[in-house]
């Protein structure tokens, strides 16, 4: 098991990047990279995604010390980030968990990346549709009579 800070150092080294170069590639401040590698800080979701992209690893790999395969979750990482940008961190975590649980559908078989992408896209769209329907059904209703003063 490797902690986050060691994974960052290791993959930065494999890419032959200095801390400054990694910061530039990821669009993250140099001092921030230093604090990550020192184990003083852990990135928020947006920064974690940028860092993972720059290191060519998955966010799940960086987040979970028990994951040893840097490509674990790489195929679904962009969908989770898109969900985070469109909605909220919690929704992206929910989608990530759903996709992780459904990963067993692909175990042992050969499936094209295109088919996998179509599946992930469909799950994401279904999640958003269900969330929208729930909001329309159970969300706050606008009252027909506003309590503002008319005169």
C-alpha atoms as a PDB file:
ATOM      1  CA  UNK A   1       0.000   0.000   0.000  1.00  0.00           C
ATOM      2  CA  UNK A   2       1.309   3.376  -1.023  1.00  0.00           C
ATOM      3  CA  UNK A   3       0.033   6.662   0.334  1.00  0.00           C
ATOM      4  CA  UNK A   4      -0.996   9.497  -1.942  1.00  0.00           C
ATOM      5  CA  UNK A   5       2.243  11.465  -1.507  1.00  0.00           C
ATOM      6  CA  UNK A   6       4.395   8.502  -2.605  1.00  0.00           C
ATOM      7  CA  UNK A   7       2.205   7.819  -5.629  1.00  0.00           C
ATOM      8  CA  UNK A   8       2.557  11.436  -6.758  1.00  0.00           C
ATOM      9  CA  UNK A   9       6.350  11.416  -6.314  1.00  0.00           C
ATOM     10  CA  UNK A  10       6.705   8.054  -8.050  1.00  0.00           C
ATOM     11  CA  UNK A  11       4.662   8.936 -11.118  1.00  0.00           C
ATOM     12  CA  UNK A  12       6.178  12.389 -11.408  1.00  0.00           C
ATOM     13  CA  UNK A  13       9.589  10.695 -11.408  1.00  0.00           C
ATOM     14  CA  UNK A  14       8.509   8.138 -14.004  1.00  0.00           C
ATOM     15  CA  UNK A  15       7.444  10.996 -16.268  1.00  0.00           C
ATOM     16  CA  UNK A  16      10.757  12.781 -15.659  1.00  0.00           C
ATOM     17  CA  UNK A  17       9.042  15.905 -14.360  1.00  0.00           C
ATOM     18  CA  UNK A  18      10.219  18.302 -11.715  1.00  0.00           C
ATOM     19  CA  UNK A  19       7.694  19.543  -9.189  1.00  0.00           C
ATOM     20  CA  UNK A  20       7.521  22.820 -11.085  1.00  0.00           C
ATOM     21  CA  UNK A  21       6.918  21.040 -14.398  1.00  0.00           C
ATOM     22  CA  UNK A  22       4.165  18.913 -12.860  1.00  0.00           C
ATOM     23  CA  UNK A  23       2.560  22.034 -11.417  1.00  0.00           C
ATOM     24  CA  UNK A  24       2.565  23.675 -14.844  1.00  0.00           C
ATOM     25  CA  UNK A  25       1.264  20.550 -16.597  1.00  0.00           C
ATOM     26  CA  UNK A  26      -1.550  20.123 -14.064  1.00  0.00           C
ATOM     27  CA  UNK A  27      -2.388  23.810 -13.787  1.00  0.00           C
ATOM     28  CA  UNK A  28      -1.771  23.684 -10.048  1.00  0.00           C
ATOM     29  CA  UNK A  29       0.503  25.928  -8.003  1.00  0.00           C
ATOM     30  CA  UNK A  30       4.077  24.796  -7.406  1.00  0.00           C
ATOM     31  CA  UNK A  31       3.753  25.168  -3.627  1.00  0.00           C
ATOM     32  CA  UNK A  32       0.610  23.077  -3.720  1.00  0.00           C
ATOM     33  CA  UNK A  33       2.520  20.224  -5.386  1.00  0.00           C
ATOM     34  CA  UNK A  34       5.209  20.543  -2.707  1.00  0.00           C
ATOM     35  CA  UNK A  35       2.593  20.234   0.056  1.00  0.00           C
ATOM     36  CA  UNK A  36       1.014  17.196  -1.647  1.00  0.00           C
ATOM     37  CA  UNK A  37       4.353  15.412  -1.885  1.00  0.00           C
ATOM     38  CA  UNK A  38       5.172  16.299   1.714  1.00  0.00           C
ATOM     39  CA  UNK A  39       1.883  14.749   2.789  1.00  0.00           C
ATOM     40  CA  UNK A  40       0.691  18.031   4.278  1.00  0.00           C
ATOM     41  CA  UNK A  41      -2.405  18.362   2.104  1.00  0.00           C
ATOM     42  CA  UNK A  42      -4.758  16.273   0.011  1.00  0.00           C
ATOM     43  CA  UNK A  43      -6.350  17.871  -3.052  1.00  0.00           C
ATOM     44  CA  UNK A  44     -10.013  18.718  -3.474  1.00  0.00           C
ATOM     45  CA  UNK A  45     -11.847  16.934  -6.308  1.00  0.00           C
ATOM     46  CA  UNK A  46     -11.050  19.420  -9.081  1.00  0.00           C
ATOM     47  CA  UNK A  47      -7.341  19.550  -8.222  1.00  0.00           C
ATOM     48  CA  UNK A  48      -7.191  15.768  -7.830  1.00  0.00           C
ATOM     49  CA  UNK A  49      -8.596  15.354 -11.334  1.00  0.00           C
ATOM     50  CA  UNK A  50      -6.044  17.783 -12.813  1.00  0.00           C
ATOM     51  CA  UNK A  51      -3.221  16.026 -10.993  1.00  0.00           C
ATOM     52  CA  UNK A  52      -4.368  12.572 -12.103  1.00  0.00           C
ATOM     53  CA  UNK A  53      -4.611  13.716 -15.735  1.00  0.00           C
ATOM     54  CA  UNK A  54      -1.114  15.207 -15.578  1.00  0.00           C
ATOM     55  CA  UNK A  55       0.301  11.985 -14.064  1.00  0.00           C
ATOM     56  CA  UNK A  56      -1.642   9.687 -16.437  1.00  0.00           C
ATOM     57  CA  UNK A  57      -3.259   7.849 -13.522  1.00  0.00           C
ATOM     58  CA  UNK A  58      -6.810   7.635 -12.171  1.00  0.00           C
ATOM     59  CA  UNK A  59      -8.245   9.699  -9.363  1.00  0.00           C
ATOM     60  CA  UNK A  60      -9.331   6.475  -7.656  1.00  0.00           C
ATOM     61  CA  UNK A  61      -5.723   5.274  -7.640  1.00  0.00           C
ATOM     62  CA  UNK A  62      -4.553   8.520  -6.029  1.00  0.00           C
ATOM     63  CA  UNK A  63      -7.391   8.580  -3.464  1.00  0.00           C
ATOM     64  CA  UNK A  64      -7.176   4.984  -2.280  1.00  0.00           C
ATOM     65  CA  UNK A  65      -3.889   3.760  -0.774  1.00  0.00           C
ATOM     66  CA  UNK A  66      -4.955   0.133  -1.294  1.00  0.00           C
ATOM     67  CA  UNK A  67      -5.274   0.485  -5.091  1.00  0.00           C
ATOM     68  CA  UNK A  68      -1.992  -0.500  -6.725  1.00  0.00           C
ATOM     69  CA  UNK A  69      -2.996  -0.292 -10.396  1.00  0.00           C
ATOM     70  CA  UNK A  70      -2.632   3.315 -11.604  1.00  0.00           C
ATOM     71  CA  UNK A  71      -5.136   2.664 -14.401  1.00  0.00           C
ATOM     72  CA  UNK A  72      -7.866   1.384 -12.066  1.00  0.00           C
ATOM     73  CA  UNK A  73     -10.932   3.525 -12.750  1.00  0.00           C
ATOM     74  CA  UNK A  74      -9.245   5.466 -15.536  1.00  0.00           C
ATOM     75  CA  UNK A  75     -11.997   4.515 -17.981  1.00  0.00           C
ATOM     76  CA  UNK A  76     -14.704   6.161 -15.874  1.00  0.00           C
ATOM     77  CA  UNK A  77     -12.729   9.075 -14.435  1.00  0.00           C
ATOM     78  CA  UNK A  78     -13.756  11.625 -17.086  1.00  0.00           C
ATOM     79  CA  UNK A  79     -17.455  10.813 -16.614  1.00  0.00           C
ATOM     80  CA  UNK A  80     -17.188  11.308 -12.869  1.00  0.00           C
ATOM     81  CA  UNK A  81     -15.431  14.652 -13.397  1.00  0.00           C
ATOM     82  CA  UNK A  82     -18.044  15.744 -15.914  1.00  0.00           C
ATOM     83  CA  UNK A  83     -20.752  14.922 -13.377  1.00  0.00           C
ATOM     84  CA  UNK A  84     -18.894  16.919 -10.695  1.00  0.00           C
ATOM     85  CA  UNK A  85     -18.729  19.934 -12.997  1.00  0.00           C
ATOM     86  CA  UNK A  86     -22.400  19.650 -14.003  1.00  0.00           C
ATOM     87  CA  UNK A  87     -23.895  18.995 -10.579  1.00  0.00           C
ATOM     88  CA  UNK A  88     -22.125  18.469  -7.277  1.00  0.00           C
ATOM     89  CA  UNK A  89     -19.318  16.580  -5.628  1.00  0.00           C
ATOM     90  CA  UNK A  90     -21.823  14.239  -3.967  1.00  0.00           C
ATOM     91  CA  UNK A  91     -23.460  13.391  -7.303  1.00  0.00           C
ATOM     92  CA  UNK A  92     -20.057  12.643  -8.805  1.00  0.00           C
ATOM     93  CA  UNK A  93     -19.245  10.357  -5.857  1.00  0.00           C
ATOM     94  CA  UNK A  94     -22.587   8.601  -6.324  1.00  0.00           C
ATOM     95  CA  UNK A  95     -21.883   8.092 -10.022  1.00  0.00           C
ATOM     96  CA  UNK A  96     -18.352   6.890  -9.306  1.00  0.00           C
ATOM     97  CA  UNK A  97     -19.710   4.291  -6.878  1.00  0.00           C
ATOM     98  CA  UNK A  98     -22.408   3.141  -9.336  1.00  0.00           C
ATOM     99  CA  UNK A  99     -19.861   2.750 -12.117  1.00  0.00           C
ATOM    100  CA  UNK A 100     -17.439   0.941  -9.805  1.00  0.00           C
ATOM    101  CA  UNK A 101     -20.163  -1.507  -8.787  1.00  0.00           C
ATOM    102  CA  UNK A 102     -21.091  -2.088 -12.425  1.00  0.00           C
ATOM    103  CA  UNK A 103     -17.448  -2.719 -13.392  1.00  0.00           C
ATOM    104  CA  UNK A 104     -18.026  -6.433 -12.779  1.00  0.00           C
ATOM    105  CA  UNK A 105     -20.158  -6.457 -15.930  1.00  0.00           C
ATOM    106  CA  UNK A 106     -16.926  -6.149 -17.902  1.00  0.00           C
ATOM    107  CA  UNK A 107     -14.881  -8.647 -15.884  1.00  0.00           C
ATOM    108  CA  UNK A 108     -13.393 -11.454 -17.884  1.00  0.00           C
ATOM    109  CA  UNK A 109     -14.884 -10.350 -21.179  1.00  0.00           C
ATOM    110  CA  UNK A 110     -13.621  -8.341 -24.045  1.00  0.00           C
ATOM    111  CA  UNK A 111     -15.506  -5.171 -24.729  1.00  0.00           C
ATOM    112  CA  UNK A 112     -14.422  -2.289 -26.871  1.00  0.00           C
ATOM    113  CA  UNK A 113     -13.617   1.063 -25.318  1.00  0.00           C
ATOM    114  CA  UNK A 114     -16.363   2.539 -27.481  1.00  0.00           C
ATOM    115  CA  UNK A 115     -18.956   0.163 -26.006  1.00  0.00           C
ATOM    116  CA  UNK A 116     -17.706   0.905 -22.485  1.00  0.00           C
ATOM    117  CA  UNK A 117     -17.932   4.644 -23.148  1.00  0.00           C
ATOM    118  CA  UNK A 118     -21.484   4.255 -24.435  1.00  0.00           C
ATOM    119  CA  UNK A 119     -22.409   2.345 -21.296  1.00  0.00           C
ATOM    120  CA  UNK A 120     -20.850   4.927 -18.955  1.00  0.00           C
ATOM    121  CA  UNK A 121     -22.539   7.753 -20.867  1.00  0.00           C
ATOM    122  CA  UNK A 122     -25.917   6.007 -20.649  1.00  0.00           C
ATOM    123  CA  UNK A 123     -25.541   5.452 -16.889  1.00  0.00           C
ATOM    124  CA  UNK A 124     -24.600   9.098 -16.392  1.00  0.00           C
ATOM    125  CA  UNK A 125     -27.582  10.302 -18.438  1.00  0.00           C
ATOM    126  CA  UNK A 126     -29.950   7.958 -16.586  1.00  0.00           C
ATOM    127  CA  UNK A 127     -28.636   9.256 -13.260  1.00  0.00           C
ATOM    128  CA  UNK A 128     -29.194  12.859 -14.326  1.00  0.00           C
ATOM    129  CA  UNK A 129     -32.692  12.070 -15.659  1.00  0.00           C
ATOM    130  CA  UNK A 130     -33.657  10.380 -12.375  1.00  0.00           C
ATOM    131  CA  UNK A 131     -32.258  13.271 -10.367  1.00  0.00           C
ATOM    132  CA  UNK A 132     -34.216  15.764 -12.473  1.00  0.00           C
ATOM    133  CA  UNK A 133     -37.435  13.749 -12.139  1.00  0.00           C
ATOM    134  CA  UNK A 134     -36.974  13.486  -8.374  1.00  0.00           C
ATOM    135  CA  UNK A 135     -36.415  17.224  -8.124  1.00  0.00           C
ATOM    136  CA  UNK A 136     -39.551  17.926 -10.150  1.00  0.00           C
ATOM    137  CA  UNK A 137     -41.602  15.497  -8.069  1.00  0.00           C
ATOM    138  CA  UNK A 138     -40.204  16.082  -4.596  1.00  0.00           C
ATOM    139  CA  UNK A 139     -38.457  19.436  -4.851  1.00  0.00           C
ATOM    140  CA  UNK A 140     -39.802  22.707  -3.574  1.00  0.00           C
ATOM    141  CA  UNK A 141     -42.933  23.828  -5.331  1.00  0.00           C
ATOM    142  CA  UNK A 142     -43.274  27.444  -6.312  1.00  0.00           C
ATOM    143  CA  UNK A 143     -46.375  28.795  -4.697  1.00  0.00           C
ATOM    144  CA  UNK A 144     -48.932  30.227  -7.021  1.00  0.00           C
ATOM    145  CA  UNK A 145     -49.682  33.113  -4.677  1.00  0.00           C
ATOM    146  CA  UNK A 146     -46.570  34.964  -3.670  1.00  0.00           C
ATOM    147  CA  UNK A 147     -46.538  36.579  -0.272  1.00  0.00           C
ATOM    148  CA  UNK A 148     -45.285  39.892  -1.593  1.00  0.00           C
ATOM    149  CA  UNK A 149     -47.126  43.098  -0.928  1.00  0.00           C
ATOM    150  CA  UNK A 150     -49.129  44.163  -3.962  1.00  0.00           C
ATOM    151  CA  UNK A 151     -49.513  47.803  -3.099  1.00  0.00           C
END
